[in-house]
Amino acid sequence: MGIPGCGKSTFAARCPASWRVCLDEYRLAATDDMTDQTATPAAAQIQDLLLDARLARGRTTLVDSTNIHAHVRAGLLARARYWQRPIAAALLDVPLATAQYQNAERDRVVPGHVLSELHAQLPTVDQLRSEGFTAVHLASELA
């Protein structure tokens, strides 16, 4: 989890492609535009279907999305509990300036004020643990 431009998709690309579920890709599939937020409900349904299919089989799954908001994380945690699976968080805790720089280089630039607002809402390690994440990994501490 992390703000736009922090490197979530780059991180996810280092894992096997079959592990990855990504709302942006499902919005793209539905509308030919991964930034079309009107497609988020349909994209979330696709994501949930794939999550359930993978978790039911005990397959490692990586959710490539911001997951900044507690209610979104609560849904992921509930799915993991339902399927009796552990759930780890990879928090991409890059400095705001780094995310702003990387965001400016992307094809789909998110407005700076949105990045700042989301960065201010990043959960802490203690918050994530108290929510029920089995493990929390900070990108700044990963080799």
C-alpha atoms as a PDB file:
ATOM      1  CA  MET A   1       0.000   0.000   0.000  1.00  0.00           C
ATOM      2  CA  GLY A   2       1.077   3.542  -0.634  1.00  0.00           C
ATOM      3  CA  ILE A   3       0.309   6.722  -2.489  1.00  0.00           C
ATOM      4  CA  PRO A   4       0.349   7.094  -6.272  1.00  0.00           C
ATOM      5  CA  GLY A   5       3.895   7.319  -7.592  1.00  0.00           C
ATOM      6  CA  CYS A   6       5.482   5.530  -4.621  1.00  0.00           C
ATOM      7  CA  GLY A   7       6.416   2.419  -6.610  1.00  0.00           C
ATOM      8  CA  LYS A   8       3.593  -0.029  -5.798  1.00  0.00           C
ATOM      9  CA  SER A   9       3.256  -1.338  -9.340  1.00  0.00           C
ATOM     10  CA  THR A  10       7.026  -1.512  -9.779  1.00  0.00           C
ATOM     11  CA  PHE A  11       7.199  -3.545  -6.570  1.00  0.00           C
ATOM     12  CA  ALA A  12       4.317  -5.765  -7.708  1.00  0.00           C
ATOM     13  CA  ALA A  13       5.964  -6.346 -11.107  1.00  0.00           C
ATOM     14  CA  ARG A  14       8.829  -8.120  -9.326  1.00  0.00           C
ATOM     15  CA  CYS A  15       6.416 -10.837  -8.211  1.00  0.00           C
ATOM     16  CA  PRO A  16       4.869 -13.512 -10.437  1.00  0.00           C
ATOM     17  CA  ALA A  17       2.145 -11.955 -12.608  1.00  0.00           C
ATOM     18  CA  SER A  18      -0.410 -14.540 -11.474  1.00  0.00           C
ATOM     19  CA  TRP A  19      -0.174 -13.206  -7.901  1.00  0.00           C
ATOM     20  CA  ARG A  20      -1.274  -9.678  -8.823  1.00  0.00           C
ATOM     21  CA  VAL A  21      -4.770  -8.235  -8.651  1.00  0.00           C
ATOM     22  CA  CYS A  22      -5.017  -4.586  -9.663  1.00  0.00           C
ATOM     23  CA  LEU A  23      -8.006  -2.238  -9.797  1.00  0.00           C
ATOM     24  CA  ASP A  24      -6.309  -0.086 -12.452  1.00  0.00           C
ATOM     25  CA  GLU A  25      -6.134  -3.052 -14.823  1.00  0.00           C
ATOM     26  CA  TYR A  26      -9.786  -3.948 -14.239  1.00  0.00           C
ATOM     27  CA  ARG A  27     -10.880  -0.316 -14.796  1.00  0.00           C
ATOM     28  CA  LEU A  28      -8.880  -0.419 -18.034  1.00  0.00           C
ATOM     29  CA  ALA A  29     -10.572  -3.657 -19.076  1.00  0.00           C
ATOM     30  CA  ALA A  30     -14.012  -2.167 -18.377  1.00  0.00           C
ATOM     31  CA  THR A  31     -13.568   1.287 -19.913  1.00  0.00           C
ATOM     32  CA  ASP A  32     -10.278   1.451 -21.863  1.00  0.00           C
ATOM     33  CA  ASP A  33      -9.158   4.016 -19.243  1.00  0.00           C
ATOM     34  CA  MET A  34      -7.507   2.911 -16.005  1.00  0.00           C
ATOM     35  CA  THR A  35      -8.126   6.327 -14.454  1.00  0.00           C
ATOM     36  CA  ASP A  36     -11.913   6.205 -15.002  1.00  0.00           C
ATOM     37  CA  GLN A  37     -13.109   6.133 -11.406  1.00  0.00           C
ATOM     38  CA  THR A  38     -16.695   5.444 -12.519  1.00  0.00           C
ATOM     39  CA  ALA A  39     -15.514   1.900 -13.292  1.00  0.00           C
ATOM     40  CA  THR A  40     -14.242   1.307  -9.754  1.00  0.00           C
ATOM     41  CA  PRO A  41     -17.357  -0.593  -8.575  1.00  0.00           C
ATOM     42  CA  ALA A  42     -17.078  -3.044 -11.485  1.00  0.00           C
ATOM     43  CA  ALA A  43     -13.309  -3.293 -11.029  1.00  0.00           C
ATOM     44  CA  ALA A  44     -13.780  -4.012  -7.317  1.00  0.00           C
ATOM     45  CA  GLN A  45     -16.189  -6.842  -8.163  1.00  0.00           C
ATOM     46  CA  ILE A  46     -13.597  -8.390 -10.474  1.00  0.00           C
ATOM     47  CA  GLN A  47     -10.910  -7.971  -7.827  1.00  0.00           C
ATOM     48  CA  ASP A  48     -13.104  -9.589  -5.165  1.00  0.00           C
ATOM     49  CA  LEU A  49     -13.905 -12.526  -7.452  1.00  0.00           C
ATOM     50  CA  LEU A  50     -10.220 -13.132  -8.148  1.00  0.00           C
ATOM     51  CA  LEU A  51      -9.279 -12.675  -4.493  1.00  0.00           C
ATOM     52  CA  ASP A  52     -11.829 -15.267  -3.432  1.00  0.00           C
ATOM     53  CA  ALA A  53     -10.718 -17.703  -6.139  1.00  0.00           C
ATOM     54  CA  ARG A  54      -7.067 -17.410  -5.115  1.00  0.00           C
ATOM     55  CA  LEU A  55      -7.599 -17.326  -1.341  1.00  0.00           C
ATOM     56  CA  ALA A  56      -9.920 -20.346  -1.485  1.00  0.00           C
ATOM     57  CA  ARG A  57      -7.021 -22.244  -3.027  1.00  0.00           C
ATOM     58  CA  GLY A  58      -4.423 -20.851  -0.628  1.00  0.00           C
ATOM     59  CA  ARG A  59      -2.564 -19.024  -3.407  1.00  0.00           C
ATOM     60  CA  THR A  60      -0.286 -16.089  -2.671  1.00  0.00           C
ATOM     61  CA  THR A  61      -2.009 -12.921  -3.823  1.00  0.00           C
ATOM     62  CA  LEU A  62      -0.748  -9.360  -4.074  1.00  0.00           C
ATOM     63  CA  VAL A  63      -3.275  -6.508  -4.140  1.00  0.00           C
ATOM     64  CA  ASP A  64      -1.724  -3.690  -6.169  1.00  0.00           C
ATOM     65  CA  SER A  65      -3.647  -0.610  -5.054  1.00  0.00           C
ATOM     66  CA  THR A  66      -3.282   2.301  -2.657  1.00  0.00           C
ATOM     67  CA  ASN A  67      -5.209   0.707   0.256  1.00  0.00           C
ATOM     68  CA  ILE A  68      -4.783   3.969   2.163  1.00  0.00           C
ATOM     69  CA  HIS A  69      -8.301   4.005   3.598  1.00  0.00           C
ATOM     70  CA  ALA A  70      -9.132   1.824   6.603  1.00  0.00           C
ATOM     71  CA  HIS A  71     -12.499   0.703   5.174  1.00  0.00           C
ATOM     72  CA  VAL A  72     -10.751  -0.706   2.080  1.00  0.00           C
ATOM     73  CA  ARG A  73      -8.213  -2.548   4.220  1.00  0.00           C
ATOM     74  CA  ALA A  74     -11.067  -3.846   6.403  1.00  0.00           C
ATOM     75  CA  GLY A  75     -12.578  -5.539   3.355  1.00  0.00           C
ATOM     76  CA  LEU A  76      -9.272  -7.213   2.513  1.00  0.00           C
ATOM     77  CA  LEU A  77      -8.810  -8.305   6.121  1.00  0.00           C
ATOM     78  CA  ALA A  78     -12.344  -9.727   6.220  1.00  0.00           C
ATOM     79  CA  ARG A  79     -11.664 -11.785   3.075  1.00  0.00           C
ATOM     80  CA  ALA A  80      -8.430 -13.144   4.550  1.00  0.00           C
ATOM     81  CA  ARG A  81     -10.224 -14.067   7.787  1.00  0.00           C
ATOM     82  CA  TYR A  82     -13.077 -15.720   5.884  1.00  0.00           C
ATOM     83  CA  TRP A  83     -10.626 -17.918   3.989  1.00  0.00           C
ATOM     84  CA  GLN A  84      -8.474 -18.359   7.115  1.00  0.00           C
ATOM     85  CA  ARG A  85      -5.387 -16.952   5.429  1.00  0.00           C
ATOM     86  CA  PRO A  86      -2.630 -14.737   6.816  1.00  0.00           C
ATOM     87  CA  ILE A  87      -2.461 -11.210   5.442  1.00  0.00           C
ATOM     88  CA  ALA A  88       0.691  -9.127   5.264  1.00  0.00           C
ATOM     89  CA  ALA A  89       1.037  -5.451   4.431  1.00  0.00           C
ATOM     90  CA  ALA A  90       3.852  -3.994   2.358  1.00  0.00           C
ATOM     91  CA  LEU A  91       3.784  -0.291   3.157  1.00  0.00           C
ATOM     92  CA  LEU A  92       5.676   1.740   0.583  1.00  0.00           C
ATOM     93  CA  ASP A  93       6.740   4.484   2.944  1.00  0.00           C
ATOM     94  CA  VAL A  94       8.673   6.592   0.453  1.00  0.00           C
ATOM     95  CA  PRO A  95       9.091  10.301   1.174  1.00  0.00           C
ATOM     96  CA  LEU A  96       6.403  12.520  -0.339  1.00  0.00           C
ATOM     97  CA  ALA A  97       9.019  14.305  -2.481  1.00  0.00           C
ATOM     98  CA  THR A  98      10.084  10.977  -4.027  1.00  0.00           C
ATOM     99  CA  ALA A  99       6.491  10.043  -4.864  1.00  0.00           C
ATOM    100  CA  GLN A 100       5.868  13.518  -6.305  1.00  0.00           C
ATOM    101  CA  TYR A 101       8.938  13.222  -8.546  1.00  0.00           C
ATOM    102  CA  GLN A 102       8.006   9.722  -9.721  1.00  0.00           C
ATOM    103  CA  ASN A 103       4.371  10.763 -10.200  1.00  0.00           C
ATOM    104  CA  ALA A 104       5.434  13.629 -12.477  1.00  0.00           C
ATOM    105  CA  GLU A 105       7.233  11.103 -14.709  1.00  0.00           C
ATOM    106  CA  ARG A 106       4.175   8.854 -15.131  1.00  0.00           C
ATOM    107  CA  ASP A 107       1.682   8.845 -17.993  1.00  0.00           C
ATOM    108  CA  ARG A 108      -1.184   9.351 -15.539  1.00  0.00           C
ATOM    109  CA  VAL A 109      -0.180  12.172 -13.243  1.00  0.00           C
ATOM    110  CA  VAL A 110      -2.148  12.528 -10.019  1.00  0.00           C
ATOM    111  CA  PRO A 111      -2.562  16.151  -8.829  1.00  0.00           C
ATOM    112  CA  GLY A 112       0.001  17.175  -6.197  1.00  0.00           C
ATOM    113  CA  HIS A 113      -2.590  18.126  -3.592  1.00  0.00           C
ATOM    114  CA  VAL A 114      -4.096  14.630  -3.841  1.00  0.00           C
ATOM    115  CA  LEU A 115      -0.678  13.064  -3.225  1.00  0.00           C
ATOM    116  CA  SER A 116      -0.182  15.284  -0.179  1.00  0.00           C
ATOM    117  CA  GLU A 117      -3.605  14.408   1.233  1.00  0.00           C
ATOM    118  CA  LEU A 118      -3.066  10.678   0.728  1.00  0.00           C
ATOM    119  CA  HIS A 119       0.452  10.824   2.178  1.00  0.00           C
ATOM    120  CA  ALA A 120      -0.958  12.431   5.328  1.00  0.00           C
ATOM    121  CA  GLN A 121      -3.382   9.488   5.620  1.00  0.00           C
ATOM    122  CA  LEU A 122      -0.782   6.714   5.357  1.00  0.00           C
ATOM    123  CA  PRO A 123      -1.340   4.224   8.162  1.00  0.00           C
ATOM    124  CA  THR A 124       1.373   3.484  10.690  1.00  0.00           C
ATOM    125  CA  VAL A 125       2.871   0.052  11.320  1.00  0.00           C
ATOM    126  CA  ASP A 126       1.121  -0.061  14.707  1.00  0.00           C
ATOM    127  CA  GLN A 127      -2.204   0.879  13.108  1.00  0.00           C
ATOM    128  CA  LEU A 128      -1.887  -1.888  10.517  1.00  0.00           C
ATOM    129  CA  ARG A 129      -0.978  -4.450  13.173  1.00  0.00           C
ATOM    130  CA  SER A 130      -3.932  -3.393  15.337  1.00  0.00           C
ATOM    131  CA  GLU A 131      -6.239  -3.774  12.321  1.00  0.00           C
ATOM    132  CA  GLY A 132      -5.211  -7.414  12.057  1.00  0.00           C
ATOM    133  CA  PHE A 133      -2.401  -7.656   9.525  1.00  0.00           C
ATOM    134  CA  THR A 134      -0.322 -10.750  10.273  1.00  0.00           C
ATOM    135  CA  ALA A 135       2.898  -8.961   9.280  1.00  0.00           C
ATOM    136  CA  VAL A 136       3.798  -5.426   8.221  1.00  0.00           C
ATOM    137  CA  HIS A 137       6.822  -4.723   6.034  1.00  0.00           C
ATOM    138  CA  LEU A 138       8.113  -1.227   5.338  1.00  0.00           C
ATOM    139  CA  ALA A 139       9.620  -0.721   1.898  1.00  0.00           C
ATOM    140  CA  SER A 140      12.311   1.436   3.522  1.00  0.00           C
ATOM    141  CA  GLU A 141      13.461  -1.635   5.482  1.00  0.00           C
ATOM    142  CA  LEU A 142      13.298  -4.213   2.662  1.00  0.00           C
ATOM    143  CA  ALA A 143      16.506  -5.151   0.879  1.00  0.00           C
END
